[in-house]
Protein backbone atom coordinates (compact mmCIF):
# COMPACT_ATOMS: atom_id res chain seq x y z
CA MET A 1 0.23 0.13 -0.18
CA ARG A 2 1.19 3.63 -1.27
CA PHE A 3 0.44 5.80 1.74
CA LEU A 4 0.74 9.93 0.98
CA LEU A 5 -0.66 12.30 3.16
CA PRO A 6 -3.00 14.69 0.76
CA LEU A 7 -2.00 18.20 0.27
CA ILE A 8 -4.78 20.66 0.31
CA CYS A 9 -6.09 22.36 -2.95
CA VAL A 10 -3.19 21.57 -4.76
CA SER A 11 -3.10 22.85 -8.40
CA THR A 12 -3.19 20.10 -11.10
CA LEU A 13 0.18 20.38 -11.85
CA GLY A 14 1.24 19.93 -8.39
CA LEU A 15 3.41 23.08 -8.43
CA ALA A 16 4.09 26.20 -6.10
CA ALA A 17 1.60 25.67 -3.94
CA GLU A 18 1.30 27.91 -1.24
CA ALA A 19 2.22 27.37 2.61
CA ALA A 20 -1.80 26.98 3.24
CA GLU A 21 -1.88 23.56 1.09
CA VAL A 22 0.59 21.77 3.00
CA SER A 23 -0.91 20.01 6.40
CA ILE A 24 1.53 21.68 8.91
CA ILE A 25 0.41 23.02 12.19
CA PRO A 26 1.40 25.61 13.01
CA LYS A 27 1.66 26.97 9.57
CA PRO A 28 4.95 27.60 7.86
CA VAL A 29 6.20 31.02 6.86
CA SER A 30 6.92 29.84 3.24
CA ALA A 31 6.12 26.38 1.44
CA THR A 32 6.24 25.38 -2.28
CA VAL A 33 5.28 22.43 -3.24
CA THR A 34 7.25 20.60 -5.90
CA GLU A 35 6.67 18.00 -8.29
CA GLY A 36 7.32 14.18 -6.65
CA THR A 37 7.85 12.27 -3.31
CA PHE A 38 10.12 11.10 -1.30
CA THR A 39 9.99 7.23 0.06
CA LEU A 40 11.24 6.57 3.35
CA ALA A 41 12.32 2.83 3.27
CA PRO A 42 14.27 0.32 5.52
CA ASP A 43 16.99 1.87 4.07
CA THR A 44 17.28 4.89 4.42
CA VAL A 45 19.97 6.90 6.49
CA ILE A 46 19.66 9.85 8.99
CA LEU A 47 22.52 11.84 8.50
CA THR A 48 23.99 14.17 11.05
CA ASP A 49 26.87 16.66 12.65
CA ALA A 50 28.05 16.41 16.30
CA ALA A 51 25.37 19.17 17.26
CA THR A 52 22.51 17.13 15.53
CA ARG A 53 22.82 13.68 16.95
CA GLN A 54 20.41 13.80 19.30
CA VAL A 55 17.74 15.33 17.64
CA GLY A 56 18.44 12.65 14.59
CA GLU A 57 18.17 9.70 17.12
CA MET A 58 14.94 11.32 18.41
CA LEU A 59 13.47 11.42 15.07
CA ALA A 60 14.45 7.69 14.52
CA ARG A 61 12.84 6.75 17.97
CA SER A 62 9.65 8.75 16.43
CA LEU A 63 9.48 6.66 13.25
CA ALA A 64 10.43 2.95 14.47
CA PRO A 65 7.46 2.26 16.51
CA ALA A 66 4.56 2.54 12.97
CA THR A 67 7.45 1.29 10.19
CA GLY A 68 8.97 -1.63 12.30
CA TRP A 69 12.59 -0.39 11.87
CA THR A 70 15.06 1.98 13.13
CA MET A 71 16.38 4.22 10.84
CA PRO A 72 20.51 4.13 11.55
CA VAL A 73 22.12 7.79 12.36
CA ARG A 74 25.35 8.23 11.22
CA ARG A 75 27.99 11.38 10.77
CA GLY A 76 27.71 12.50 7.22
CA LYS A 77 26.70 15.05 4.93
CA ALA A 78 23.60 14.87 2.78
CA LYS A 79 23.31 11.78 0.07
CA ASP A 80 20.44 10.04 -1.92
CA ASN A 81 17.92 8.31 0.14
CA GLY A 82 19.15 10.02 3.36
CA VAL A 83 17.72 12.74 6.01
CA ALA A 84 20.23 14.92 6.65
CA LEU A 85 20.07 17.32 9.42
CA VAL A 86 22.59 20.30 9.36
CA ILE A 87 23.88 23.06 11.35
CA ASP A 88 24.07 25.87 8.95
CA ARG A 89 25.55 29.24 10.26
CA GLY A 90 24.78 31.05 6.99
CA LEU A 91 20.97 30.77 8.12
CA ALA A 92 21.19 32.89 11.15
CA ARG A 93 18.56 35.27 9.90
CA LEU A 94 16.34 32.60 10.81
CA GLY A 95 16.85 32.81 14.62
CA GLU A 96 17.20 30.52 17.14
CA GLU A 97 14.58 28.13 16.03
CA GLY A 98 14.16 28.84 12.51
CA TYR A 99 14.82 25.90 9.91
CA THR A 100 14.55 25.28 6.22
CA LEU A 101 12.90 22.04 4.77
CA GLU A 102 13.83 20.58 1.17
CA VAL A 103 11.97 17.44 0.04
CA THR A 104 13.33 16.06 -3.53
CA PRO A 105 12.56 12.63 -4.77
CA LYS A 106 15.90 11.51 -3.91
CA ARG A 107 16.81 13.16 -0.25
CA VAL A 108 15.77 15.29 2.47
CA ILE A 109 17.68 18.09 4.22
CA ILE A 110 16.78 20.25 7.16
CA ARG A 111 19.08 23.05 7.58
CA ALA A 112 19.14 25.69 10.93
CA PRO A 113 21.30 27.90 12.30
CA LYS A 114 20.92 26.03 15.40
CA PRO A 115 20.03 22.62 17.24
CA GLY A 116 16.50 23.77 17.87
CA GLY A 117 15.97 24.65 14.16
CA VAL A 118 16.65 21.34 13.23
CA PHE A 119 14.36 20.15 15.72
CA TYR A 120 11.31 21.77 14.69
CA GLY A 121 12.05 21.35 10.78
CA THR A 122 12.01 17.36 11.95
CA GLN A 123 8.46 18.13 13.39
CA SER A 124 7.60 19.67 10.22
CA PHE A 125 8.82 16.54 8.26
CA ARG A 126 6.97 14.15 10.63
CA GLN A 127 3.65 16.28 9.67
CA LEU A 128 4.24 15.65 5.96
CA LEU A 129 4.01 11.67 6.43
CA PRO A 130 0.57 9.99 6.84
CA PRO A 131 -0.65 10.24 10.14
CA ALA A 132 -0.42 6.56 10.37
CA ILE A 133 3.34 7.15 11.09
CA PHE A 134 2.10 8.38 14.62
CA ALA A 135 0.83 5.12 15.45
CA SER A 136 2.32 2.77 18.32
CA SER A 137 2.16 -0.23 16.26
CA VAL A 138 3.77 -1.54 12.97
CA GLN A 139 1.56 -0.64 9.68
CA LYS A 140 2.11 -3.41 7.88
CA GLY A 141 2.32 -2.99 3.93
CA VAL A 142 2.63 0.70 3.91
CA SER A 143 5.15 2.64 1.74
CA TRP A 144 5.65 6.09 3.36
CA ASP A 145 5.88 8.54 0.67
CA VAL A 146 6.53 12.32 1.44
CA PRO A 147 5.43 14.87 -0.61
CA CYS A 148 8.17 16.96 -2.47
CA LEU A 149 8.45 20.92 -1.23
CA LYS A 150 11.22 23.59 0.13
CA VAL A 151 9.95 25.17 3.46
CA GLU A 152 11.31 28.15 5.08
CA ASP A 153 10.31 28.92 8.49
CA HIS A 154 10.65 30.80 11.68
CA PRO A 155 8.77 32.04 14.64
CA ARG A 156 6.86 35.17 15.06
CA PHE A 157 7.07 34.94 19.28
CA VAL A 158 9.92 33.43 21.31
CA TRP A 159 7.44 32.45 24.13
CA ARG A 160 4.90 29.89 22.71
CA GLY A 161 3.41 28.68 26.21
CA ALA A 162 1.06 25.73 27.83
CA LEU A 163 0.34 26.34 31.45
CA VAL A 164 -0.93 23.24 32.97
CA ASP A 165 -2.35 23.33 36.97
CA VAL A 166 -0.97 20.43 39.08
CA GLY A 167 -1.98 22.13 42.13
CA ARG A 168 -5.41 21.72 42.14
CA HIS A 169 -5.69 18.27 40.52
CA PHE A 170 -2.49 16.11 40.45
CA MET A 171 -1.39 14.92 36.90
CA PRO A 172 1.32 12.30 36.93
CA LYS A 173 4.92 12.47 35.51
CA GLU A 174 3.95 9.75 32.99
CA TRP A 175 1.25 11.97 31.35
CA LEU A 176 3.21 15.35 31.70
CA LEU A 177 6.07 13.35 29.33
CA LYS A 178 3.69 12.80 26.93
CA PHE A 179 2.10 16.12 27.08
CA ILE A 180 5.52 17.40 26.38
CA ASP A 181 5.65 15.42 23.13
CA LEU A 182 2.50 16.69 22.24
CA ILE A 183 3.32 20.32 22.14
CA ALA A 184 6.28 20.04 21.01
CA MET A 185 5.30 18.75 18.25
CA GLN A 186 3.28 21.87 17.36
CA LYS A 187 6.59 23.79 17.96
CA ILE A 188 5.15 25.16 21.58
CA ASN A 189 8.20 25.86 23.73
CA THR A 190 7.12 27.08 27.08
CA LEU A 191 5.63 24.78 29.34
CA GLN A 192 4.72 26.55 33.12
CA VAL A 193 3.75 23.92 35.40
CA HIS A 194 1.64 25.24 38.19
CA LEU A 195 3.20 23.50 41.08
CA THR A 196 1.55 24.95 44.45
CA ASP A 197 -1.95 26.27 45.42
CA ASP A 198 -4.33 26.31 48.19
CA GLN A 199 -5.41 22.66 47.46
CA GLY A 200 -2.21 20.96 47.20
CA TRP A 201 1.72 21.55 47.02
CA ARG A 202 2.96 19.26 44.69
CA ILE A 203 7.03 19.61 44.64
CA GLU A 204 9.46 18.01 47.07
CA ILE A 205 11.68 20.51 49.25
CA LYS A 206 14.26 18.59 51.11
CA LYS A 207 14.82 21.46 53.50
CA TYR A 208 10.95 21.36 54.57
CA PRO A 209 9.53 18.10 54.06
CA LYS A 210 6.04 18.74 55.68
CA LEU A 211 5.06 21.12 52.32
CA THR A 212 4.94 17.27 50.75
CA GLU A 213 3.92 15.04 54.17
CA ILE A 214 0.74 17.30 55.01
CA GLY A 215 0.50 19.91 52.19
CA SER A 216 0.35 17.59 49.25
CA LYS A 217 -2.57 15.67 50.42
CA ARG A 218 -6.21 17.32 50.88
CA LYS A 219 -9.02 15.10 52.92
CA GLN A 220 -11.87 15.46 49.83
CA THR A 221 -12.98 17.94 47.34
CA ARG A 222 -15.69 20.03 46.45
CA LEU A 223 -18.07 18.42 43.48
CA GLY A 224 -19.79 21.01 41.45
CA HIS A 225 -19.32 24.62 41.07
CA GLU A 226 -18.26 26.60 43.96
CA ASN A 227 -20.49 28.93 44.28
CA ARG A 228 -23.52 26.43 43.82
CA SER A 229 -22.49 23.44 45.67
CA THR A 230 -21.86 22.36 48.67
CA GLU A 231 -21.41 18.65 48.45
CA PHE A 232 -17.97 17.09 48.29
CA ASP A 233 -16.71 13.72 47.23
CA GLY A 234 -15.44 12.45 50.27
CA LYS A 235 -12.11 10.88 48.96
CA SER A 236 -8.83 12.25 49.70
CA HIS A 237 -6.46 13.37 46.70
CA GLY A 238 -3.22 14.00 46.56
CA GLY A 239 0.42 13.53 44.93
CA TYR A 240 3.52 15.52 44.09
CA PHE A 241 6.66 15.10 42.18
CA THR A 242 10.04 13.95 43.96
CA GLN A 243 13.09 16.02 43.10
CA GLN A 244 14.17 13.19 41.00
CA ASP A 245 10.74 13.26 39.00
CA ILE A 246 11.21 16.90 38.23
CA ARG A 247 15.12 15.92 36.93
CA GLU A 248 13.57 13.52 34.44
CA ILE A 249 10.46 15.97 33.45
CA VAL A 250 12.96 18.58 32.84
CA ALA A 251 15.57 16.63 31.00
CA TYR A 252 13.27 15.37 28.69
CA ALA A 253 11.32 18.48 27.85
CA ARG A 254 14.77 20.22 27.07
CA GLU A 255 15.84 17.43 24.56
CA ARG A 256 12.45 18.74 22.52
CA PHE A 257 13.49 22.02 23.01
CA VAL A 258 10.64 23.10 25.72
CA ASN A 259 11.65 25.03 28.77
CA VAL A 260 10.11 24.36 31.72
CA VAL A 261 8.74 27.28 33.77
CA PRO A 262 8.20 26.40 37.50
CA GLU A 263 5.70 28.42 39.60
CA ILE A 264 5.37 28.83 43.32
CA GLU A 265 2.03 30.73 44.07
CA MET A 266 2.90 33.65 46.73
CA PRO A 267 2.14 35.52 48.78
CA GLY A 268 -1.47 34.44 48.08
CA HIS A 269 -2.81 30.72 47.09
CA ALA A 270 -0.61 29.56 50.04
CA THR A 271 -2.97 27.64 52.18
CA ALA A 272 -1.58 24.29 51.41
CA ALA A 273 2.06 25.73 52.55
CA ILE A 274 0.75 27.08 55.80
CA ALA A 275 -1.19 24.07 56.71
CA ALA A 276 2.27 22.46 56.88
CA TYR A 277 3.96 25.55 58.58
CA PRO A 278 1.17 27.46 60.50
CA GLU A 279 4.00 29.98 61.63
CA LEU A 280 4.16 31.14 57.84
CA GLY A 281 0.96 32.77 57.78
CA SER A 282 -0.28 36.19 58.94
CA THR A 283 -2.65 34.57 61.71
CA GLY A 284 -0.91 31.88 63.34
CA LYS A 285 -3.76 29.27 63.17
CA GLN A 286 -3.44 26.03 61.93
CA LEU A 287 -5.41 25.41 58.84
CA GLU A 288 -5.90 22.46 56.51
CA VAL A 289 -5.14 22.14 53.00
CA GLY A 290 -8.21 23.65 50.47
CA THR A 291 -10.65 21.07 49.93
CA TYR A 292 -13.23 23.74 47.80
CA TRP A 293 -12.29 26.48 45.16
CA GLY A 294 -11.80 30.21 44.70
CA VAL A 295 -9.94 32.60 46.52
CA TYR A 296 -9.09 32.12 49.88
CA LYS A 297 -7.99 34.94 52.27
CA SER A 298 -4.95 33.20 54.01
CA ILE A 299 -1.81 34.61 52.89
CA PHE A 300 2.00 34.45 53.69
CA SER A 301 3.25 36.70 56.40
CA PRO A 302 5.58 38.97 54.89
CA SER A 303 7.67 38.61 57.88
CA GLU A 304 11.67 37.96 56.87
CA ARG A 305 11.40 34.39 58.51
CA THR A 306 8.70 33.78 55.55
CA ILE A 307 10.56 35.69 53.37
CA LEU A 308 13.83 33.56 53.91
CA PHE A 309 11.74 30.50 53.63
CA LEU A 310 10.34 30.93 50.42
CA GLN A 311 14.00 32.18 49.16
CA ASP A 312 14.98 28.28 50.32
CA VAL A 313 12.48 27.23 48.46
CA LEU A 314 13.24 29.23 44.99
CA GLY A 315 17.00 28.01 45.74
CA GLU A 316 15.73 24.37 45.96
CA LEU A 317 14.14 24.93 42.38
CA LEU A 318 17.16 26.57 40.97
CA GLU A 319 18.83 23.46 41.28
CA LEU A 320 16.31 21.60 39.32
CA PHE A 321 14.91 24.21 36.74
CA PRO A 322 17.22 25.51 34.50
CA SER A 323 14.62 27.91 33.23
CA ARG A 324 15.57 31.62 32.68
CA PHE A 325 12.48 32.65 34.60
CA ILE A 326 10.95 31.51 37.74
CA HIS A 327 6.96 32.32 38.27
CA VAL A 328 6.33 33.62 41.74
CA GLY A 329 2.23 34.06 40.97
CA GLY A 330 1.21 37.31 42.83
CA ASP A 331 -1.97 36.82 41.86
CA GLU A 332 -5.54 36.98 43.88
CA ALA A 333 -4.05 38.02 47.35
CA PRO A 334 -6.12 39.61 49.54
CA LYS A 335 -4.86 41.68 52.37
CA ASP A 336 -7.51 41.40 55.04
CA GLU A 337 -5.23 39.22 57.21
CA TRP A 338 -2.42 41.67 56.57
CA LYS A 339 -4.83 44.86 57.40
CA ALA A 340 -6.13 42.96 60.53
CA SER A 341 -2.28 42.25 61.92
CA ALA A 342 -0.68 44.09 63.97
CA GLN A 343 2.51 42.45 63.45
CA VAL A 344 1.97 43.13 59.44
CA GLN A 345 1.05 46.91 60.13
CA ALA A 346 4.29 47.57 62.35
CA ARG A 347 6.23 45.98 59.63
CA ILE A 348 4.79 48.54 56.70
CA LYS A 349 5.20 51.11 59.12
CA GLU A 350 9.18 49.84 59.73
CA LEU A 351 9.37 49.74 55.87
CA GLY A 352 8.39 53.12 55.25
CA LEU A 353 5.36 51.61 53.21
CA LYS A 354 2.36 53.50 52.54
CA ASP A 355 -0.31 50.09 52.38
CA GLU A 356 -0.38 46.79 51.86
CA ALA A 357 -0.11 46.99 48.25
CA GLU A 358 2.90 48.37 48.80
CA MET A 359 3.91 45.56 51.26
CA GLN A 360 3.04 42.71 48.66
CA SER A 361 5.21 44.93 46.17
CA TYR A 362 8.29 44.48 48.71
CA PHE A 363 7.59 41.10 48.93
CA ILE A 364 8.01 40.53 45.47
CA ARG A 365 11.09 42.61 45.14
CA ARG A 366 13.02 40.30 47.85
CA MET A 367 11.86 37.75 45.32
CA ASP A 368 13.40 39.76 42.43
CA GLN A 369 16.48 40.43 44.13
CA PHE A 370 17.12 36.77 45.18
CA LEU A 371 16.63 35.28 41.87
CA THR A 372 18.39 38.49 39.99
CA SER A 373 21.60 37.66 41.80
CA ARG A 374 21.32 34.44 40.81
CA GLY A 375 20.97 34.83 37.03
CA ARG A 376 17.18 34.24 36.71
CA ARG A 377 14.35 36.28 35.75
CA LEU A 378 11.07 36.60 37.93
CA ILE A 379 7.58 36.48 36.60
CA GLY A 380 4.51 36.77 37.61
CA TRP A 381 0.74 37.49 37.01
CA ASP A 382 -0.23 41.01 36.46
CA GLU A 383 -1.63 41.96 39.76
CA ILE A 384 2.45 42.19 41.13
CA LEU A 385 2.22 45.56 39.13
CA GLU A 386 0.44 46.74 41.96
CA GLY A 387 2.41 48.95 44.21
CA GLY A 388 5.59 48.88 41.99
CA LEU A 389 7.32 46.66 40.20
CA ALA A 390 11.19 45.94 39.87
CA PRO A 391 13.14 46.66 36.85
CA GLY A 392 13.73 43.33 35.17
CA ALA A 393 10.60 41.42 36.19
CA THR A 394 8.20 40.40 33.37
CA VAL A 395 4.41 40.54 33.93
CA MET A 396 2.18 37.95 32.51
CA SER A 397 -1.48 39.80 31.70
CA TRP A 398 -4.49 37.63 32.88
CA ARG A 399 -6.91 39.62 33.52
CA GLY A 400 -7.61 40.84 30.05
CA THR A 401 -5.15 42.83 28.37
CA GLU A 402 -4.91 46.21 30.37
CA GLY A 403 -1.65 44.68 32.84
CA GLY A 404 0.14 43.64 29.58
CA ILE A 405 -0.50 47.09 27.81
CA ALA A 406 0.62 48.99 31.06
CA ALA A 407 3.77 46.52 31.80
CA ALA A 408 5.01 47.38 28.09
CA LYS A 409 4.52 50.87 28.20
CA ALA A 410 6.19 50.77 31.24
CA GLY A 411 9.59 48.94 30.03
CA HIS A 412 8.85 45.34 31.04
CA ASP A 413 8.42 42.59 28.88
CA VAL A 414 5.18 40.73 28.67
CA VAL A 415 3.38 37.08 28.15
CA MET A 416 -0.14 37.75 27.15
CA THR A 417 -2.60 35.18 28.53
CA PRO A 418 -6.14 36.85 28.86
CA THR A 419 -8.93 34.77 30.11
CA ASP A 420 -11.29 35.79 27.75
CA TYR A 421 -8.90 33.87 24.90
CA LEU A 422 -6.35 31.81 26.13
CA TYR A 423 -7.75 30.01 29.55
CA LEU A 424 -8.60 27.02 28.13
CA ASP A 425 -10.57 25.74 31.18
CA TYR A 426 -13.35 27.66 29.82
CA TYR A 427 -15.92 26.03 27.50
CA GLN A 428 -15.30 25.40 24.25
CA SER A 429 -18.80 25.06 23.32
CA LYS A 430 -22.29 25.92 24.60
CA ASP A 431 -23.51 22.37 24.34
CA PRO A 432 -24.92 20.83 27.43
CA GLN A 433 -23.36 17.78 27.07
CA GLU A 434 -20.01 19.58 27.39
CA PRO A 435 -17.74 18.49 30.72
CA LEU A 436 -18.42 20.75 34.01
CA SER A 437 -15.75 23.89 33.36
CA ILE A 438 -15.40 26.51 35.32
CA GLY A 439 -17.04 28.71 33.05
CA GLY A 440 -16.83 30.95 30.03
CA PHE A 441 -16.73 30.65 26.58
CA VAL A 442 -13.41 30.40 24.57
CA PRO A 443 -13.69 28.79 20.91
CA LEU A 444 -11.52 27.38 19.16
CA GLU A 445 -12.21 30.26 16.71
CA LYS A 446 -11.65 32.37 19.13
CA VAL A 447 -8.47 31.64 20.17
CA TYR A 448 -7.36 31.36 16.83
CA ALA A 449 -8.15 34.84 16.39
CA TYR A 450 -6.28 36.49 18.98
CA GLU A 451 -3.35 39.13 18.53
CA PRO A 452 -0.96 38.96 21.07
CA VAL A 453 0.27 42.81 20.49
CA PRO A 454 -2.47 45.26 21.98
CA ALA A 455 -3.24 48.11 19.12
CA GLU A 456 -2.30 50.25 22.32
CA LEU A 457 1.15 49.92 21.75
CA THR A 458 3.67 51.68 19.56
CA PRO A 459 6.31 49.20 17.50
CA GLU A 460 8.93 49.72 20.11
CA GLN A 461 6.79 48.97 23.00
CA GLY A 462 4.82 45.99 20.86
CA LYS A 463 8.53 44.28 20.97
CA ARG A 464 8.13 43.95 25.01
CA VAL A 465 5.35 41.38 23.89
CA LEU A 466 7.45 37.93 24.47
CA GLY A 467 4.44 36.07 23.16
CA ALA A 468 1.24 34.66 24.61
CA GLN A 469 0.09 31.11 26.49
CA GLY A 470 -2.70 29.26 26.88
CA ASN A 471 -3.71 27.98 30.50
CA LEU A 472 -5.29 25.02 31.73
CA TRP A 473 -6.50 25.39 35.23
CA THR A 474 -7.44 22.17 36.68
CA GLU A 475 -10.28 23.00 39.45
CA TYR A 476 -12.75 21.02 37.49
CA ILE A 477 -10.60 19.18 35.22
CA ARG A 478 -9.71 15.69 37.33
CA THR A 479 -7.93 13.77 34.93
CA THR A 480 -5.50 13.40 31.76
CA GLN A 481 -8.56 12.33 29.33
CA HIS A 482 -10.39 15.45 30.24
CA LEU A 483 -7.31 17.75 30.37
CA GLU A 484 -6.54 16.52 27.03
CA TYR A 485 -10.20 17.46 25.67
CA MET A 486 -9.77 20.85 26.86
CA ALA A 487 -6.41 21.54 25.54
CA PHE A 488 -6.75 19.89 21.98
CA PRO A 489 -7.31 21.35 19.46
CA ARG A 490 -7.26 24.92 21.19
CA LEU A 491 -3.50 24.47 22.15
CA ALA A 492 -2.75 24.09 18.37
CA ALA A 493 -4.32 27.40 17.55
CA VAL A 494 -2.21 28.74 20.14
CA ALA A 495 0.74 27.06 18.17
CA GLU A 496 -0.21 28.89 15.05
CA MET A 497 -0.91 31.91 16.60
CA THR A 498 2.57 32.48 18.40
CA TRP A 499 4.38 31.05 15.46
CA THR A 500 2.55 32.06 12.08
CA PRO A 501 3.15 35.61 10.80
CA LYS A 502 -0.28 37.59 11.42
CA GLU A 503 -0.55 38.54 7.96
CA SER A 504 -0.55 34.55 7.17
CA LYS A 505 -2.73 33.38 9.46
CA ASP A 506 -6.20 32.00 8.08
CA LEU A 507 -8.76 29.77 9.98
CA ALA A 508 -10.59 27.75 7.12
CA SER A 509 -6.88 26.64 6.09
CA PHE A 510 -5.88 26.15 9.89
CA LYS A 511 -9.22 23.81 10.04
CA GLU A 512 -8.52 22.05 6.90
CA ARG A 513 -5.21 21.16 7.69
CA LEU A 514 -6.51 20.44 11.40
CA LYS A 515 -8.32 17.00 10.34
CA ALA A 516 -5.01 15.57 9.23
CA GLN A 517 -3.70 16.70 12.89
CA GLU A 518 -7.12 14.70 14.24
CA GLU A 519 -5.64 11.59 12.41
CA ARG A 520 -2.51 12.23 14.34
CA TRP A 521 -3.68 12.55 17.57
CA ARG A 522 -6.00 9.45 17.27
CA ALA A 523 -3.06 7.48 16.75
CA LEU A 524 -1.21 8.78 19.32
CA GLY A 525 -4.22 8.16 21.94
CA VAL A 526 -5.10 11.74 22.39
CA ASN A 527 -8.64 12.35 23.75
CA PHE A 528 -9.01 15.63 21.63
CA ARG A 529 -12.39 17.22 20.95
CA PRO A 530 -13.44 16.53 17.29
CA LEU A 531 -13.52 19.79 14.68
CA GLY A 532 -17.26 18.86 13.84
CA LYS A 533 -18.57 18.42 17.32
CA PRO A 534 -20.96 20.59 17.93
C-alpha cells in the first residue's frame, strides 16, 4: 500500500502550492510544493553532525514504532536516500528556532543555524508523513511517501506557551511527558507548571519535608461549582513530584526544546503551605489543605522568616529548573489578614511603606532581587504591577490585556494570556453535554483570532510582548483524559497564533489542516475534541 498524506487544494500540476496547502501546524512562513515524492524505506539513513546527533536519534525513535524498523543515524553529509540534519550558520537570519526543509525525490535536507531549528524542521517533516506514522504499532504493507517541497520557516514570538495546573488536581509524571511530546510537535516551546496552590503542594523540597508530607494531601474535594454546590466527594486527593521526577521531566523537555517554567505561588494561594507550617501564615492559626475552589483569604505573612523560607524553596528550585524565568504567582492575594495583623502593620511602618499593596510589592521585589542575584528572571501575574515593580520583572497579563499594556509601556517584558481568549479551562462549546468547566466561553475560533500585540502599543513597545500562552487550570479537570479534551485542538490554535506571521493566518486553512492533525492525535491516543462536534 502506498500511503501519501494529501495536500490541500494542490493545483493539477502539483507545483508552487502555497503554505496553506501543506498540512503542517503551525503554518510555515513559506512553503512551496514541487513535483514528486520521497519514499522513506528500511535502508533510508539519517545523517547528522555532532550538534544534531541527538535530534537525529529522536527522529529515528519517533518513526520506528509504526514503520517496524529503526533508521540508522550516522555522521555525514546529505546524500541520496538520506535525511540530513545540518547546522548552517549562514541561516542566522532565521534566528534560534528557524529552519529550512527541502524534500526532493532523492533526499531530505533540514538546515538551521541552531539545533532547536533542526528539531522544529523534523517536526514539520513528521507532519508531511501519513498520520499512521504516529501510531505505536507497525503498519504492515505501507510505503511511507513524503511530498516534495521547500520550506523556510521561523517563529513570530519567542514565548509560545502552555500552562498545566497540577496544584488543584495532580497529573502524573508519565502523562506530563506525553503532553510535552504533544506540544513540542507543534512547536510550543514553554511549559509552565503550576506547582502549588491552596489545594495542594506538588514538589518535594528537601529542607521543608512537611510541604509534601502534609501539604500535598487534601481530605476531600468539592463537587460542582463552588458558588452552587456544598457537596464534597469524601475522597482524599494527593500526589507530588519528587526532585528526581522533576529532573526527568526537565531533561525530557529539554531534549524536545521545551523550557519548563516552575510556578510557586506567593503571597496568596498559600493555604497548603501554611497547613504544613502555620508560622508562615499571617494569623498563626493551624489550617487544613484547601478542599474547595475560589480565592482564599489565608496568605503568607510578609515577615522576614517567611521571605527567607520562600527563598530557600526557590533556591532548591534553581537546582532543578534551568529556566531563565521563575514564576512567583502574585495573583489573587487578599490583604484582609495583613490589615488585621498588628505584626504586619508594624512591619509596613518599619519599612516606610504606604499600604498593603506596597507591602506586596516589597515582598515580590525581595524575590526579584534573590532571583536576579542568581542569574534568573522573575515573572508573575499582572497583580505584581500593583505597588510598583522591579525593573527586570516580567508580567503575565491574565486579567484582560490592560496589565500587559501597562507593563509594556513601562518597559517590562510581557506574556499575554487573557482569560477571554487563552484560558483553555473555559467551555469550548455551548453544548450542554460538554464536561463541567469553570465557566466562560472560549471556542477554537476565538483562540485562533487572538492577536498578542495590543493595538494600543507603539511598534517599539510591542517588542516587549514575548508571546502568548494557553492556560489549563484544573479545578474542574480531574483526569488526564479531560485535560487533553480541553487542550486539543485549542493548543494547536495557540501554536499557530504564536508562530505564524499575523498576515498569514487563515482560519479556514487552519481547520482544513486540523483534519490531518486529528488523525495524528487519534494515532497517538489523544482524547481531543473533534472539529465537527457541536
